Amino acid sequence: MLTLCYCPGACSMAAHITLEESGEKYNARRVDLGNGEQRSAEYLKINPNGRVPALGLDDGDFISENAAILPFLGKRFGLWATEPTAEAKMMSFIGWVASSVHPAQAHIGRPERYASNPASHDDLRATGKKVFHGYLNQIDGMYAGKEWLFDKYSVTDPYAFVLYTWGIRREIPMHEMKHYTAFKDRMLQRPAVQRVVEDEKIKL
């Protein structure tokens, strides 16, 4: 049985939604990031990077990072492209989110990661918010004229949903992004998403 190490509201929500969509039984293990559980000796044995998500596999081994976990789950549960070009485009989206969009958001909430001088933190927050807002506008355009990011619902859509919730948290005017907001509404109609939103206490 799979085990998901997650924290409410974190990027692990994408894997959480995917596991709920699958209908397969799994263990859900909350990690208390606020109190530093991710830095405990016990958790560092699971994920030496001290982050979520981490996914425990059937054989007891663990993998980490959405860039690995989401393709793994997508292939297991039929939420991944099989045609090579489509697969490459999915990998491109996930890589872009992990390497660019997510760090932009982190500049807002974790400026101390990027500068030791507190005097520069406000500037980092402001710049991060501007860049993150721009990325969300790009995603809004990606959903123009279509229901899902690719030909059918896939693991990339829960990942995009996470970013929408972060936009709300960072007080970005998400309602102005009509295509992205319509996508958010479609996601909220899915029972698996409803269960995760309730479990993680996500405000939308």
C-alpha atoms as a PDB file:
ATOM      1  CA  MET A   1       0.000   0.000   0.000  1.00  0.00           C
ATOM      2  CA  LEU A   2       1.180   3.503  -0.803  1.00  0.00           C
ATOM      3  CA  THR A   3       1.823   6.080   1.931  1.00  0.00           C
ATOM      4  CA  LEU A   4       1.637   9.813   1.296  1.00  0.00           C
ATOM      5  CA  CYS A   5       3.502  12.187   3.581  1.00  0.00           C
ATOM      6  CA  TYR A   6       1.774  15.528   3.164  1.00  0.00           C
ATOM      7  CA  CYS A   7       1.020  18.842   4.824  1.00  0.00           C
ATOM      8  CA  PRO A   8      -2.301  20.675   4.384  1.00  0.00           C
ATOM      9  CA  GLY A   9      -2.048  23.436   1.807  1.00  0.00           C
ATOM     10  CA  ALA A  10       1.407  22.419   0.574  1.00  0.00           C
ATOM     11  CA  CYS A  11       2.297  21.240  -2.929  1.00  0.00           C
ATOM     12  CA  SER A  12       1.675  17.694  -1.681  1.00  0.00           C
ATOM     13  CA  MET A  13      -2.015  18.462  -2.274  1.00  0.00           C
ATOM     14  CA  ALA A  14      -1.514  17.478  -5.929  1.00  0.00           C
ATOM     15  CA  ALA A  15      -0.515  13.932  -4.985  1.00  0.00           C
ATOM     16  CA  HIS A  16      -3.221  13.855  -2.306  1.00  0.00           C
ATOM     17  CA  ILE A  17      -5.909  14.623  -4.895  1.00  0.00           C
ATOM     18  CA  THR A  18      -4.447  12.084  -7.321  1.00  0.00           C
ATOM     19  CA  LEU A  19      -4.531   9.335  -4.705  1.00  0.00           C
ATOM     20  CA  GLU A  20      -8.131  10.191  -3.832  1.00  0.00           C
ATOM     21  CA  GLU A  21      -9.023  10.099  -7.524  1.00  0.00           C
ATOM     22  CA  SER A  22      -7.528   6.624  -7.848  1.00  0.00           C
ATOM     23  CA  GLY A  23      -9.920   4.913  -5.450  1.00  0.00           C
ATOM     24  CA  GLU A  24      -6.996   2.838  -4.193  1.00  0.00           C
ATOM     25  CA  LYS A  25      -6.489   2.516  -0.456  1.00  0.00           C
ATOM     26  CA  TYR A  26      -3.461   4.387   0.851  1.00  0.00           C
ATOM     27  CA  ASN A  27      -2.027   5.663   4.111  1.00  0.00           C
ATOM     28  CA  ALA A  28      -2.091   9.423   4.672  1.00  0.00           C
ATOM     29  CA  ARG A  29       0.560  10.738   7.039  1.00  0.00           C
ATOM     30  CA  ARG A  30       0.418  14.405   7.977  1.00  0.00           C
ATOM     31  CA  VAL A  31       3.733  16.158   8.492  1.00  0.00           C
ATOM     32  CA  ASP A  32       3.635  19.192  10.780  1.00  0.00           C
ATOM     33  CA  LEU A  33       5.800  21.647   8.860  1.00  0.00           C
ATOM     34  CA  GLY A  34       4.885  24.507  11.171  1.00  0.00           C
ATOM     35  CA  ASN A  35       6.483  22.773  14.132  1.00  0.00           C
ATOM     36  CA  GLY A  36       9.467  21.474  12.200  1.00  0.00           C
ATOM     37  CA  GLU A  37       8.550  17.790  11.978  1.00  0.00           C
ATOM     38  CA  GLN A  38      10.169  17.716   8.516  1.00  0.00           C
ATOM     39  CA  ARG A  39      13.528  18.285  10.211  1.00  0.00           C
ATOM     40  CA  SER A  40      13.145  15.436  12.685  1.00  0.00           C
ATOM     41  CA  ALA A  41      15.521  12.497  12.495  1.00  0.00           C
ATOM     42  CA  GLU A  42      12.595  10.171  11.831  1.00  0.00           C
ATOM     43  CA  TYR A  43      11.303  12.139   8.880  1.00  0.00           C
ATOM     44  CA  LEU A  44      14.746  12.787   7.406  1.00  0.00           C
ATOM     45  CA  LYS A  45      15.131   9.020   7.066  1.00  0.00           C
ATOM     46  CA  ILE A  46      12.084   9.139   4.787  1.00  0.00           C
ATOM     47  CA  ASN A  47      13.059  12.272   2.870  1.00  0.00           C
ATOM     48  CA  PRO A  48      16.566  13.646   3.500  1.00  0.00           C
ATOM     49  CA  ASN A  49      15.477  16.891   1.798  1.00  0.00           C
ATOM     50  CA  GLY A  50      13.077  17.572   4.672  1.00  0.00           C
ATOM     51  CA  ARG A  51      10.147  18.459   2.412  1.00  0.00           C
ATOM     52  CA  VAL A  52       6.752  17.176   1.381  1.00  0.00           C
ATOM     53  CA  PRO A  53       5.507  15.291  -0.470  1.00  0.00           C
ATOM     54  CA  ALA A  54       7.175  11.958   0.074  1.00  0.00           C
ATOM     55  CA  LEU A  55       5.560   8.799  -1.238  1.00  0.00           C
ATOM     56  CA  GLY A  56       6.041   5.429   0.406  1.00  0.00           C
ATOM     57  CA  LEU A  57       5.929   2.647  -2.175  1.00  0.00           C
ATOM     58  CA  ASP A  58       4.515  -0.861  -1.906  1.00  0.00           C
ATOM     59  CA  ASP A  59       7.958  -2.261  -1.086  1.00  0.00           C
ATOM     60  CA  GLY A  60       8.564   0.264   1.722  1.00  0.00           C
ATOM     61  CA  ASP A  61      10.945   2.474  -0.237  1.00  0.00           C
ATOM     62  CA  PHE A  62      10.236   6.211  -0.600  1.00  0.00           C
ATOM     63  CA  ILE A  63      10.434   8.708  -3.437  1.00  0.00           C
ATOM     64  CA  SER A  64      10.173  12.483  -3.141  1.00  0.00           C
ATOM     65  CA  GLU A  65       9.511  15.588  -5.290  1.00  0.00           C
ATOM     66  CA  ASN A  66       6.380  16.175  -7.358  1.00  0.00           C
ATOM     67  CA  ALA A  67       8.485  15.893 -10.506  1.00  0.00           C
ATOM     68  CA  ALA A  68       8.895  12.194  -9.671  1.00  0.00           C
ATOM     69  CA  ILE A  69       5.758  11.444  -7.651  1.00  0.00           C
ATOM     70  CA  LEU A  70       3.155  12.841 -10.048  1.00  0.00           C
ATOM     71  CA  PRO A  71       4.398  10.920 -13.131  1.00  0.00           C
ATOM     72  CA  PHE A  72       4.656   7.770 -10.996  1.00  0.00           C
ATOM     73  CA  LEU A  73       1.075   8.110  -9.763  1.00  0.00           C
ATOM     74  CA  GLY A  74      -0.190   9.204 -13.162  1.00  0.00           C
ATOM     75  CA  LYS A  75       1.184   6.087 -14.831  1.00  0.00           C
ATOM     76  CA  ARG A  76      -0.149   3.866 -12.071  1.00  0.00           C
ATOM     77  CA  PHE A  77      -3.667   5.254 -12.205  1.00  0.00           C
ATOM     78  CA  GLY A  78      -4.102   6.095 -15.888  1.00  0.00           C
ATOM     79  CA  LEU A  79      -3.751   9.855 -15.395  1.00  0.00           C
ATOM     80  CA  TRP A  80      -0.692  10.224 -17.607  1.00  0.00           C
ATOM     81  CA  ALA A  81      -0.106  10.545 -21.346  1.00  0.00           C
ATOM     82  CA  THR A  82       1.058   7.500 -23.292  1.00  0.00           C
ATOM     83  CA  GLU A  83       1.974   9.273 -26.556  1.00  0.00           C
ATOM     84  CA  PRO A  84       5.615  10.457 -26.390  1.00  0.00           C
ATOM     85  CA  THR A  85       5.059  14.093 -27.358  1.00  0.00           C
ATOM     86  CA  ALA A  86       2.120  14.487 -24.973  1.00  0.00           C
ATOM     87  CA  GLU A  87       4.160  12.861 -22.223  1.00  0.00           C
ATOM     88  CA  ALA A  88       7.028  15.259 -22.859  1.00  0.00           C
ATOM     89  CA  LYS A  89       4.634  18.213 -22.628  1.00  0.00           C
ATOM     90  CA  MET A  90       3.312  16.953 -19.290  1.00  0.00           C
ATOM     91  CA  MET A  91       6.865  16.581 -18.010  1.00  0.00           C
ATOM     92  CA  SER A  92       7.612  20.094 -19.258  1.00  0.00           C
ATOM     93  CA  PHE A  93       4.668  21.552 -17.332  1.00  0.00           C
ATOM     94  CA  ILE A  94       5.543  19.731 -14.113  1.00  0.00           C
ATOM     95  CA  GLY A  95       9.202  20.738 -14.429  1.00  0.00           C
ATOM     96  CA  TRP A  96       8.264  24.375 -15.047  1.00  0.00           C
ATOM     97  CA  VAL A  97       6.016  24.466 -11.990  1.00  0.00           C
ATOM     98  CA  ALA A  98       8.634  22.833  -9.774  1.00  0.00           C
ATOM     99  CA  SER A  99      11.564  24.934 -10.992  1.00  0.00           C
ATOM    100  CA  SER A 100       9.946  28.328 -11.623  1.00  0.00           C
ATOM    101  CA  VAL A 101       6.374  28.790 -10.398  1.00  0.00           C
ATOM    102  CA  HIS A 102       6.806  27.192  -6.987  1.00  0.00           C
ATOM    103  CA  PRO A 103      10.045  29.092  -6.177  1.00  0.00           C
ATOM    104  CA  ALA A 104       8.382  32.383  -7.133  1.00  0.00           C
ATOM    105  CA  GLN A 105       5.676  31.690  -4.576  1.00  0.00           C
ATOM    106  CA  ALA A 106       8.318  30.700  -2.026  1.00  0.00           C
ATOM    107  CA  HIS A 107       9.900  34.136  -2.353  1.00  0.00           C
ATOM    108  CA  ILE A 108       6.675  35.546  -0.922  1.00  0.00           C
ATOM    109  CA  GLY A 109       6.376  33.237   2.059  1.00  0.00           C
ATOM    110  CA  ARG A 110      10.008  32.257   2.682  1.00  0.00           C
ATOM    111  CA  PRO A 111      12.212  35.238   1.745  1.00  0.00           C
ATOM    112  CA  GLU A 112      14.763  34.169   4.366  1.00  0.00           C
ATOM    113  CA  ARG A 113      15.636  31.221   2.122  1.00  0.00           C
ATOM    114  CA  TYR A 114      16.938  33.607  -0.513  1.00  0.00           C
ATOM    115  CA  ALA A 115      18.500  36.451   1.468  1.00  0.00           C
ATOM    116  CA  SER A 116      20.032  36.583   4.935  1.00  0.00           C
ATOM    117  CA  ASN A 117      19.543  40.346   5.305  1.00  0.00           C
ATOM    118  CA  PRO A 118      16.011  41.067   6.610  1.00  0.00           C
ATOM    119  CA  ALA A 119      16.159  44.505   4.995  1.00  0.00           C
ATOM    120  CA  SER A 120      15.809  42.852   1.591  1.00  0.00           C
ATOM    121  CA  HIS A 121      12.884  40.588   2.488  1.00  0.00           C
ATOM    122  CA  ASP A 122      10.111  43.037   1.607  1.00  0.00           C
ATOM    123  CA  ASP A 123      11.603  43.525  -1.846  1.00  0.00           C
ATOM    124  CA  LEU A 124      11.866  39.764  -2.318  1.00  0.00           C
ATOM    125  CA  ARG A 125       8.227  39.341  -1.318  1.00  0.00           C
ATOM    126  CA  ALA A 126       7.063  42.042  -3.709  1.00  0.00           C
ATOM    127  CA  THR A 127       9.129  40.723  -6.589  1.00  0.00           C
ATOM    128  CA  GLY A 128       8.070  37.155  -5.892  1.00  0.00           C
ATOM    129  CA  LYS A 129       4.407  38.134  -5.869  1.00  0.00           C
ATOM    130  CA  LYS A 130       4.737  39.968  -9.183  1.00  0.00           C
ATOM    131  CA  VAL A 131       6.496  37.033 -10.846  1.00  0.00           C
ATOM    132  CA  PHE A 132       4.085  34.488  -9.350  1.00  0.00           C
ATOM    133  CA  HIS A 133       1.116  36.557 -10.555  1.00  0.00           C
ATOM    134  CA  GLY A 134       2.579  36.529 -14.045  1.00  0.00           C
ATOM    135  CA  TYR A 135       2.974  32.754 -14.000  1.00  0.00           C
ATOM    136  CA  LEU A 136      -0.640  32.294 -12.886  1.00  0.00           C
ATOM    137  CA  ASN A 137      -1.749  34.465 -15.796  1.00  0.00           C
ATOM    138  CA  GLN A 138       0.173  32.132 -18.088  1.00  0.00           C
ATOM    139  CA  ILE A 139      -1.717  29.161 -16.671  1.00  0.00           C
ATOM    140  CA  ASP A 140      -4.980  31.038 -17.142  1.00  0.00           C
ATOM    141  CA  GLY A 141      -4.133  31.207 -20.835  1.00  0.00           C
ATOM    142  CA  MET A 142      -3.317  27.495 -20.925  1.00  0.00           C
ATOM    143  CA  TYR A 143      -6.903  26.695 -19.891  1.00  0.00           C
ATOM    144  CA  ALA A 144      -8.504  28.972 -22.482  1.00  0.00           C
ATOM    145  CA  GLY A 145     -11.019  27.027 -24.555  1.00  0.00           C
ATOM    146  CA  LYS A 146     -10.484  23.677 -22.891  1.00  0.00           C
ATOM    147  CA  GLU A 147     -11.618  21.726 -19.875  1.00  0.00           C
ATOM    148  CA  TRP A 148      -8.291  20.261 -18.765  1.00  0.00           C
ATOM    149  CA  LEU A 149      -4.675  21.165 -19.323  1.00  0.00           C
ATOM    150  CA  PHE A 150      -4.194  18.298 -21.777  1.00  0.00           C
ATOM    151  CA  ASP A 151      -6.580  16.106 -23.789  1.00  0.00           C
ATOM    152  CA  LYS A 152      -8.107  14.601 -20.657  1.00  0.00           C
ATOM    153  CA  TYR A 153      -7.898  14.982 -16.889  1.00  0.00           C
ATOM    154  CA  SER A 154      -4.383  14.161 -15.694  1.00  0.00           C
ATOM    155  CA  VAL A 155      -2.049  14.675 -12.734  1.00  0.00           C
ATOM    156  CA  THR A 156      -1.129  18.091 -14.129  1.00  0.00           C
ATOM    157  CA  ASP A 157      -4.586  19.423 -13.249  1.00  0.00           C
ATOM    158  CA  PRO A 158      -4.346  18.852  -9.475  1.00  0.00           C
ATOM    159  CA  TYR A 159      -0.920  20.527  -9.626  1.00  0.00           C
ATOM    160  CA  ALA A 160      -2.477  23.554 -11.339  1.00  0.00           C
ATOM    161  CA  PHE A 161      -5.249  23.539  -8.732  1.00  0.00           C
ATOM    162  CA  VAL A 162      -2.683  23.809  -5.936  1.00  0.00           C
ATOM    163  CA  LEU A 163      -1.257  26.929  -7.561  1.00  0.00           C
ATOM    164  CA  TYR A 164      -4.726  28.479  -7.763  1.00  0.00           C
ATOM    165  CA  THR A 165      -5.193  28.001  -4.004  1.00  0.00           C
ATOM    166  CA  TRP A 166      -1.799  29.599  -3.416  1.00  0.00           C
ATOM    167  CA  GLY A 167      -2.845  32.574  -5.512  1.00  0.00           C
ATOM    168  CA  ILE A 168      -5.805  33.109  -3.210  1.00  0.00           C
ATOM    169  CA  ARG A 169      -3.572  32.733  -0.152  1.00  0.00           C
ATOM    170  CA  ARG A 170      -1.195  35.377  -1.528  1.00  0.00           C
ATOM    171  CA  GLU A 171      -4.111  37.757  -2.228  1.00  0.00           C
ATOM    172  CA  ILE A 172      -3.691  37.693  -5.985  1.00  0.00           C
ATOM    173  CA  PRO A 173      -6.972  38.600  -7.793  1.00  0.00           C
ATOM    174  CA  MET A 174      -7.642  35.098  -9.074  1.00  0.00           C
ATOM    175  CA  HIS A 175     -11.252  35.938 -10.005  1.00  0.00           C
ATOM    176  CA  GLU A 176      -9.869  38.067 -12.841  1.00  0.00           C
ATOM    177  CA  MET A 177      -8.430  34.917 -14.442  1.00  0.00           C
ATOM    178  CA  LYS A 178     -11.643  33.647 -16.028  1.00  0.00           C
ATOM    179  CA  HIS A 179     -10.321  30.442 -17.602  1.00  0.00           C
ATOM    180  CA  TYR A 180      -8.357  29.443 -14.523  1.00  0.00           C
ATOM    181  CA  THR A 181     -11.329  30.184 -12.245  1.00  0.00           C
ATOM    182  CA  ALA A 182     -13.664  28.117 -14.430  1.00  0.00           C
ATOM    183  CA  PHE A 183     -11.145  25.278 -14.131  1.00  0.00           C
ATOM    184  CA  LYS A 184     -11.104  25.700 -10.341  1.00  0.00           C
ATOM    185  CA  ASP A 185     -14.900  25.403 -10.324  1.00  0.00           C
ATOM    186  CA  ARG A 186     -14.737  22.205 -12.389  1.00  0.00           C
ATOM    187  CA  MET A 187     -12.218  20.765  -9.964  1.00  0.00           C
ATOM    188  CA  LEU A 188     -14.482  21.531  -7.016  1.00  0.00           C
ATOM    189  CA  GLN A 189     -17.204  19.440  -8.627  1.00  0.00           C
ATOM    190  CA  ARG A 190     -15.025  16.342  -8.357  1.00  0.00           C
ATOM    191  CA  PRO A 191     -15.687  14.286  -5.184  1.00  0.00           C
ATOM    192  CA  ALA A 192     -11.978  13.495  -4.731  1.00  0.00           C
ATOM    193  CA  VAL A 193     -11.127  17.193  -4.771  1.00  0.00           C
ATOM    194  CA  GLN A 194     -13.955  17.954  -2.359  1.00  0.00           C
ATOM    195  CA  ARG A 195     -12.603  15.390   0.092  1.00  0.00           C
ATOM    196  CA  VAL A 196      -9.071  16.796  -0.048  1.00  0.00           C
ATOM    197  CA  VAL A 197     -10.253  20.402   0.253  1.00  0.00           C
ATOM    198  CA  GLU A 198     -12.215  19.418   3.354  1.00  0.00           C
ATOM    199  CA  ASP A 199      -9.360  17.395   4.855  1.00  0.00           C
ATOM    200  CA  GLU A 200      -6.773  20.115   4.250  1.00  0.00           C
ATOM    201  CA  LYS A 201      -9.170  22.961   5.180  1.00  0.00           C
ATOM    202  CA  ILE A 202      -8.502  24.888   1.968  1.00  0.00           C
ATOM    203  CA  LYS A 203     -10.245  28.241   1.640  1.00  0.00           C
ATOM    204  CA  LEU A 204     -11.477  29.108  -1.835  1.00  0.00           C
END
